[in-house]
Structure formats: structure tokens, C-alpha cells
């Protein structure tokens, strides 16, 4: 069992439109695709962290998913990614491992999640790695989650630098996808 937090509270200024609703394929937005992958594991609970402007639209998309998905509003997204993560942690079972998933890293797959879960231990966080470069999502072991809840650090990367990390080798370069601009979207989706 695990929990997951999907971070969708950014302003998407460089993209020019909300990244949660970008088309992943003809039937799914980024958010819908990510939720579909995580919900393919039965019994897991998740949180989507939204902002004030996309809250209602995300709430509408969540109607197609399990009641185990909670929606949280980040009323101050300028406080950064760690603030969104902490808001999400208040709504999940933090005695479990917790995936941290950015909505603009949409190429999550069940195979990679399973591989990460197999290697997870309470006192480590796990990142997928392809061609000597780390990617997404991140899986926090339950002790790392507890450490984060107690920590007063204000930057997620700084916090992770103080924790034990395991990188797992994957062959899928899409773990590096970070869709922040229309050019990024075109790069990853032009052939689809």
C-alpha cells in the first residue's frame, strides 16, 4: 500500500495554460492519465493539490475517479513545491510510502511505480534514473515522510539532500520529461 500526492498548484505561466489539462492523448488530460496510472493499484489513496484558479476544474475531473482521491487547495502557491507537498501530506496516510508526482511530468507508468515500490525501504527515498540522470516521480519511504513532517526546512531539494537515496535504473527516458513550455510539449508530443 502507498499514498500519492499530485502537485498541480503551479501557475503554468510559461505554458500559457494550465498544465493539468494539457492533452496526454485523445481521451485524457495530463491529470487524468496520471490518476489512471496510480489508481490501477487498488486500495491506494491520493491527493491532488490545486490552486485557486484550477480548483473547480480539477474537482470536475476527479468525479470520474475513486472517492479515495482528495482535493486540497494551495491558496499560496508562491510558497513553492514543499508547501504543496506539506498540504498533501496532511491528507494522506503518512505511515505508508508516499509518491510525489508533478502534474507536468505526465509519463508515469505502472511498471516504473512497481519497480520503485519493490526497492522501497522506510528510511530511503527512491528516484528513477535513466542515462545517468534522475527523473520522476519520487517515492518517499515512511520514515522519510515522518522526517519531512518534523523538518523546518523550506526547500524540498535541500531536505532530500539530507536523506538516504536509492536510484533505480530504468530505460524509459520519459522520466526526464518536464513539460513547462509549449516547446516542451511539442518535443514530447509531436509524434503522438
C-alpha atoms as a PDB file:
ATOM      1  CA  UNK A   1       0.000   0.000   0.000  1.00  0.00           C
ATOM      2  CA  UNK A   2       1.076   3.552  -0.672  1.00  0.00           C
ATOM      3  CA  UNK A   3      -0.286   7.055  -0.930  1.00  0.00           C
ATOM      4  CA  UNK A   4       0.399   9.620  -3.622  1.00  0.00           C
ATOM      5  CA  UNK A   5       0.373  13.389  -3.957  1.00  0.00           C
ATOM      6  CA  UNK A   6      -0.073  15.027  -7.352  1.00  0.00           C
ATOM      7  CA  UNK A   7       1.229  18.586  -7.441  1.00  0.00           C
ATOM      8  CA  UNK A   8      -0.962  20.734  -9.716  1.00  0.00           C
ATOM      9  CA  UNK A   9      -0.938  24.115  -7.965  1.00  0.00           C
ATOM     10  CA  UNK A  10       1.625  25.897 -10.119  1.00  0.00           C
ATOM     11  CA  UNK A  11       0.620  28.908 -12.182  1.00  0.00           C
ATOM     12  CA  UNK A  12       1.715  27.415 -15.542  1.00  0.00           C
ATOM     13  CA  UNK A  13       2.856  30.878 -16.662  1.00  0.00           C
ATOM     14  CA  UNK A  14       5.476  29.659 -19.147  1.00  0.00           C
ATOM     15  CA  UNK A  15       2.987  27.238 -20.692  1.00  0.00           C
ATOM     16  CA  UNK A  16       0.305  29.898 -21.027  1.00  0.00           C
ATOM     17  CA  UNK A  17      -2.438  27.494 -19.899  1.00  0.00           C
ATOM     18  CA  UNK A  18      -2.920  25.089 -17.023  1.00  0.00           C
ATOM     19  CA  UNK A  19      -0.665  22.049 -17.434  1.00  0.00           C
ATOM     20  CA  UNK A  20      -3.054  19.731 -15.565  1.00  0.00           C
ATOM     21  CA  UNK A  21      -5.449  19.943 -18.523  1.00  0.00           C
ATOM     22  CA  UNK A  22      -2.978  19.557 -21.383  1.00  0.00           C
ATOM     23  CA  UNK A  23      -3.946  16.627 -23.624  1.00  0.00           C
ATOM     24  CA  UNK A  24      -1.956  13.491 -22.852  1.00  0.00           C
ATOM     25  CA  UNK A  25      -3.825  11.536 -25.503  1.00  0.00           C
ATOM     26  CA  UNK A  26      -7.175  11.871 -27.260  1.00  0.00           C
ATOM     27  CA  UNK A  27      -9.070  10.739 -24.154  1.00  0.00           C
ATOM     28  CA  UNK A  28      -7.058  12.046 -21.204  1.00  0.00           C
ATOM     29  CA  UNK A  29      -5.550  15.210 -19.813  1.00  0.00           C
ATOM     30  CA  UNK A  30      -2.197  15.042 -18.015  1.00  0.00           C
ATOM     31  CA  UNK A  31      -4.055  14.853 -14.692  1.00  0.00           C
ATOM     32  CA  UNK A  32      -6.462  12.149 -15.872  1.00  0.00           C
ATOM     33  CA  UNK A  33      -3.629   9.999 -17.227  1.00  0.00           C
ATOM     34  CA  UNK A  34      -1.613  10.281 -14.011  1.00  0.00           C
ATOM     35  CA  UNK A  35      -4.645   9.439 -11.861  1.00  0.00           C
ATOM     36  CA  UNK A  36      -5.475   6.449 -14.078  1.00  0.00           C
ATOM     37  CA  UNK A  37      -1.979   5.014 -13.606  1.00  0.00           C
ATOM     38  CA  UNK A  38      -1.964   5.460  -9.831  1.00  0.00           C
ATOM     39  CA  UNK A  39      -5.493   4.113  -9.460  1.00  0.00           C
ATOM     40  CA  UNK A  40      -4.514   0.963 -11.370  1.00  0.00           C
ATOM     41  CA  UNK A  41      -3.078  -0.078  -7.982  1.00  0.00           C
ATOM     42  CA  UNK A  42      -6.146  -0.988  -5.933  1.00  0.00           C
ATOM     43  CA  UNK A  43      -6.696   0.429  -2.472  1.00  0.00           C
ATOM     44  CA  UNK A  44      -4.310   3.354  -2.603  1.00  0.00           C
ATOM     45  CA  UNK A  45      -5.253   6.869  -1.600  1.00  0.00           C
ATOM     46  CA  UNK A  46      -4.147  10.103  -3.138  1.00  0.00           C
ATOM     47  CA  UNK A  47      -4.325  13.858  -3.023  1.00  0.00           C
ATOM     48  CA  UNK A  48      -4.307  16.420  -5.786  1.00  0.00           C
ATOM     49  CA  UNK A  49      -3.012  19.819  -4.711  1.00  0.00           C
ATOM     50  CA  UNK A  50      -4.642  22.552  -6.803  1.00  0.00           C
ATOM     51  CA  UNK A  51      -4.576  26.341  -6.806  1.00  0.00           C
ATOM     52  CA  UNK A  52      -7.477  28.755  -6.512  1.00  0.00           C
ATOM     53  CA  UNK A  53      -7.885  29.182 -10.278  1.00  0.00           C
ATOM     54  CA  UNK A  54      -7.883  25.484 -11.257  1.00  0.00           C
ATOM     55  CA  UNK A  55      -9.593  24.008  -8.178  1.00  0.00           C
ATOM     56  CA  UNK A  56     -13.108  23.804  -9.647  1.00  0.00           C
ATOM     57  CA  UNK A  57     -11.944  22.356 -12.983  1.00  0.00           C
ATOM     58  CA  UNK A  58      -9.815  19.735 -11.213  1.00  0.00           C
ATOM     59  CA  UNK A  59     -12.711  18.906  -8.919  1.00  0.00           C
ATOM     60  CA  UNK A  60     -14.806  18.251 -12.027  1.00  0.00           C
ATOM     61  CA  UNK A  61     -12.180  15.856 -13.448  1.00  0.00           C
ATOM     62  CA  UNK A  62     -11.980  13.968 -10.146  1.00  0.00           C
ATOM     63  CA  UNK A  63     -15.628  12.897 -10.440  1.00  0.00           C
ATOM     64  CA  UNK A  64     -14.508  10.142 -12.814  1.00  0.00           C
ATOM     65  CA  UNK A  65     -12.151   8.683 -10.206  1.00  0.00           C
ATOM     66  CA  UNK A  66     -12.385   6.870  -6.906  1.00  0.00           C
ATOM     67  CA  UNK A  67     -13.646   8.642  -3.817  1.00  0.00           C
ATOM     68  CA  UNK A  68     -10.229   7.900  -2.320  1.00  0.00           C
ATOM     69  CA  UNK A  69      -8.810  10.949  -4.156  1.00  0.00           C
ATOM     70  CA  UNK A  70      -8.895  14.115  -2.078  1.00  0.00           C
ATOM     71  CA  UNK A  71      -8.523  17.639  -3.419  1.00  0.00           C
ATOM     72  CA  UNK A  72      -6.626  20.297  -1.471  1.00  0.00           C
ATOM     73  CA  UNK A  73      -6.331  23.960  -2.358  1.00  0.00           C
ATOM     74  CA  UNK A  74      -2.960  25.666  -2.082  1.00  0.00           C
ATOM     75  CA  UNK A  75      -4.056  29.260  -1.603  1.00  0.00           C
ATOM     76  CA  UNK A  76      -0.445  30.447  -1.695  1.00  0.00           C
ATOM     77  CA  UNK A  77       1.433  28.625  -4.489  1.00  0.00           C
ATOM     78  CA  UNK A  78       4.229  31.206  -4.346  1.00  0.00           C
ATOM     79  CA  UNK A  79       5.441  29.413  -1.205  1.00  0.00           C
ATOM     80  CA  UNK A  80       6.735  26.695  -3.531  1.00  0.00           C
ATOM     81  CA  UNK A  81       6.668  22.982  -4.072  1.00  0.00           C
ATOM     82  CA  UNK A  82       7.409  21.982  -0.480  1.00  0.00           C
ATOM     83  CA  UNK A  83       4.392  23.939   0.757  1.00  0.00           C
ATOM     84  CA  UNK A  84       2.177  21.959  -1.656  1.00  0.00           C
ATOM     85  CA  UNK A  85       3.749  18.679  -0.527  1.00  0.00           C
ATOM     86  CA  UNK A  86       3.094  19.504   3.120  1.00  0.00           C
ATOM     87  CA  UNK A  87      -0.536  20.368   2.346  1.00  0.00           C
ATOM     88  CA  UNK A  88      -0.873  16.992   0.617  1.00  0.00           C
ATOM     89  CA  UNK A  89       0.780  15.109   3.466  1.00  0.00           C
ATOM     90  CA  UNK A  90      -1.927  16.359   5.825  1.00  0.00           C
ATOM     91  CA  UNK A  91      -4.478  14.342   3.812  1.00  0.00           C
ATOM     92  CA  UNK A  92      -2.712  11.018   3.188  1.00  0.00           C
ATOM     93  CA  UNK A  93      -1.686   8.100   5.364  1.00  0.00           C
ATOM     94  CA  UNK A  94       1.843   9.164   6.192  1.00  0.00           C
ATOM     95  CA  UNK A  95       2.619   5.812   7.781  1.00  0.00           C
ATOM     96  CA  UNK A  96       2.859   4.474   4.237  1.00  0.00           C
ATOM     97  CA  UNK A  97       5.274   5.206   1.426  1.00  0.00           C
ATOM     98  CA  UNK A  98       4.247   8.329  -0.475  1.00  0.00           C
ATOM     99  CA  UNK A  99       4.822   9.103  -4.163  1.00  0.00           C
ATOM    100  CA  UNK A 100       5.345  12.756  -5.070  1.00  0.00           C
ATOM    101  CA  UNK A 101       4.162  13.318  -8.646  1.00  0.00           C
ATOM    102  CA  UNK A 102       4.346  16.600 -10.559  1.00  0.00           C
ATOM    103  CA  UNK A 103       1.462  17.107 -12.978  1.00  0.00           C
ATOM    104  CA  UNK A 104       3.957  18.358 -15.595  1.00  0.00           C
ATOM    105  CA  UNK A 105       5.853  15.026 -15.523  1.00  0.00           C
ATOM    106  CA  UNK A 106       2.993  13.024 -17.064  1.00  0.00           C
ATOM    107  CA  UNK A 107       4.789   9.913 -18.330  1.00  0.00           C
ATOM    108  CA  UNK A 108       4.361   7.879 -15.165  1.00  0.00           C
ATOM    109  CA  UNK A 109       3.888   4.160 -15.769  1.00  0.00           C
ATOM    110  CA  UNK A 110       2.704   1.260 -13.653  1.00  0.00           C
ATOM    111  CA  UNK A 111       5.929  -0.649 -14.412  1.00  0.00           C
ATOM    112  CA  UNK A 112       8.144   2.111 -13.032  1.00  0.00           C
ATOM    113  CA  UNK A 113       5.938   2.560  -9.955  1.00  0.00           C
ATOM    114  CA  UNK A 114       6.097  -1.206  -9.268  1.00  0.00           C
ATOM    115  CA  UNK A 115       9.872  -1.206  -9.642  1.00  0.00           C
ATOM    116  CA  UNK A 116      10.181   1.700  -7.210  1.00  0.00           C
ATOM    117  CA  UNK A 117       7.872   0.039  -4.689  1.00  0.00           C
ATOM    118  CA  UNK A 118       9.888  -3.197  -4.790  1.00  0.00           C
ATOM    119  CA  UNK A 119      13.050  -1.351  -3.754  1.00  0.00           C
ATOM    120  CA  UNK A 120      11.473   0.962  -1.188  1.00  0.00           C
ATOM    121  CA  UNK A 121      12.515   0.819   2.449  1.00  0.00           C
ATOM    122  CA  UNK A 122      11.193   3.059   5.219  1.00  0.00           C
ATOM    123  CA  UNK A 123      14.431   5.036   5.583  1.00  0.00           C
ATOM    124  CA  UNK A 124      15.082   5.903   1.903  1.00  0.00           C
ATOM    125  CA  UNK A 125      13.604   7.849  -0.953  1.00  0.00           C
ATOM    126  CA  UNK A 126      13.692   6.446  -4.459  1.00  0.00           C
ATOM    127  CA  UNK A 127      14.095   8.123  -7.821  1.00  0.00           C
ATOM    128  CA  UNK A 128      14.102   6.509 -11.254  1.00  0.00           C
ATOM    129  CA  UNK A 129      17.321   7.056 -13.222  1.00  0.00           C
ATOM    130  CA  UNK A 130      17.954   6.790 -16.944  1.00  0.00           C
ATOM    131  CA  UNK A 131      21.248   7.538 -18.703  1.00  0.00           C
ATOM    132  CA  UNK A 132      22.872   8.937 -15.541  1.00  0.00           C
ATOM    133  CA  UNK A 133      20.074  11.430 -14.934  1.00  0.00           C
ATOM    134  CA  UNK A 134      17.388  11.244 -12.242  1.00  0.00           C
ATOM    135  CA  UNK A 135      13.734  11.660 -13.122  1.00  0.00           C
ATOM    136  CA  UNK A 136      10.212  11.497 -11.730  1.00  0.00           C
ATOM    137  CA  UNK A 137       8.248  10.581  -9.695  1.00  0.00           C
ATOM    138  CA  UNK A 138       9.870  10.409  -6.254  1.00  0.00           C
ATOM    139  CA  UNK A 139       8.890   7.763  -3.702  1.00  0.00           C
ATOM    140  CA  UNK A 140       9.379   8.672  -0.046  1.00  0.00           C
ATOM    141  CA  UNK A 141       9.734   5.821   2.441  1.00  0.00           C
ATOM    142  CA  UNK A 142       7.560   6.149   5.538  1.00  0.00           C
ATOM    143  CA  UNK A 143      10.453   7.287   7.774  1.00  0.00           C
ATOM    144  CA  UNK A 144      11.410   9.946   5.210  1.00  0.00           C
ATOM    145  CA  UNK A 145       7.804  11.158   5.270  1.00  0.00           C
ATOM    146  CA  UNK A 146       7.960  11.396   9.077  1.00  0.00           C
ATOM    147  CA  UNK A 147      11.284  13.271   8.844  1.00  0.00           C
ATOM    148  CA  UNK A 148       9.762  15.713   6.369  1.00  0.00           C
ATOM    149  CA  UNK A 149       6.769  16.370   8.605  1.00  0.00           C
ATOM    150  CA  UNK A 150       9.132  17.198  11.503  1.00  0.00           C
ATOM    151  CA  UNK A 151      11.562  19.232   9.413  1.00  0.00           C
ATOM    152  CA  UNK A 152      11.541  23.019   9.320  1.00  0.00           C
ATOM    153  CA  UNK A 153      13.497  23.191   6.068  1.00  0.00           C
ATOM    154  CA  UNK A 154      11.877  25.379   3.401  1.00  0.00           C
ATOM    155  CA  UNK A 155      13.240  23.717   0.241  1.00  0.00           C
ATOM    156  CA  UNK A 156      12.384  20.166  -0.859  1.00  0.00           C
ATOM    157  CA  UNK A 157      15.695  19.505  -2.625  1.00  0.00           C
ATOM    158  CA  UNK A 158      17.619  20.675   0.444  1.00  0.00           C
ATOM    159  CA  UNK A 159      15.589  18.300   2.576  1.00  0.00           C
ATOM    160  CA  UNK A 160      16.174  15.368   0.201  1.00  0.00           C
ATOM    161  CA  UNK A 161      19.926  16.065   0.229  1.00  0.00           C
ATOM    162  CA  UNK A 162      19.931  15.129   3.942  1.00  0.00           C
ATOM    163  CA  UNK A 163      18.145  11.794   3.385  1.00  0.00           C
ATOM    164  CA  UNK A 164      19.166   8.361   2.077  1.00  0.00           C
ATOM    165  CA  UNK A 165      18.557   7.966  -1.649  1.00  0.00           C
ATOM    166  CA  UNK A 166      18.277   4.952  -3.934  1.00  0.00           C
ATOM    167  CA  UNK A 167      18.279   5.412  -7.699  1.00  0.00           C
ATOM    168  CA  UNK A 168      16.720   2.641  -9.737  1.00  0.00           C
ATOM    169  CA  UNK A 169      17.771   2.107 -13.329  1.00  0.00           C
ATOM    170  CA  UNK A 170      15.016   2.394 -15.915  1.00  0.00           C
ATOM    171  CA  UNK A 171      15.193   2.502 -19.697  1.00  0.00           C
ATOM    172  CA  UNK A 172      12.355   4.940 -20.277  1.00  0.00           C
ATOM    173  CA  UNK A 173      13.776   8.416 -20.934  1.00  0.00           C
ATOM    174  CA  UNK A 174      10.351   9.969 -20.481  1.00  0.00           C
ATOM    175  CA  UNK A 175      11.044  10.092 -16.723  1.00  0.00           C
ATOM    176  CA  UNK A 176      13.020  13.243 -17.618  1.00  0.00           C
ATOM    177  CA  UNK A 177      10.067  14.983 -19.276  1.00  0.00           C
ATOM    178  CA  UNK A 178       9.293  18.310 -17.680  1.00  0.00           C
ATOM    179  CA  UNK A 179       6.539  19.983 -19.680  1.00  0.00           C
ATOM    180  CA  UNK A 180       6.836  23.682 -18.802  1.00  0.00           C
ATOM    181  CA  UNK A 181       6.530  25.458 -22.155  1.00  0.00           C
ATOM    182  CA  UNK A 182       4.734  24.942 -25.481  1.00  0.00           C
ATOM    183  CA  UNK A 183       8.127  23.905 -26.942  1.00  0.00           C
ATOM    184  CA  UNK A 184       8.493  21.212 -24.249  1.00  0.00           C
ATOM    185  CA  UNK A 185       5.021  19.922 -25.069  1.00  0.00           C
ATOM    186  CA  UNK A 186       5.814  19.841 -28.777  1.00  0.00           C
ATOM    187  CA  UNK A 187       9.076  17.972 -28.118  1.00  0.00           C
ATOM    188  CA  UNK A 188       7.378  15.158 -26.222  1.00  0.00           C
ATOM    189  CA  UNK A 189       4.020  15.017 -28.001  1.00  0.00           C
ATOM    190  CA  UNK A 190       4.647  15.951 -31.640  1.00  0.00           C
ATOM    191  CA  UNK A 191       4.895  12.309 -32.713  1.00  0.00           C
ATOM    192  CA  UNK A 192       1.777  11.183 -30.813  1.00  0.00           C
END
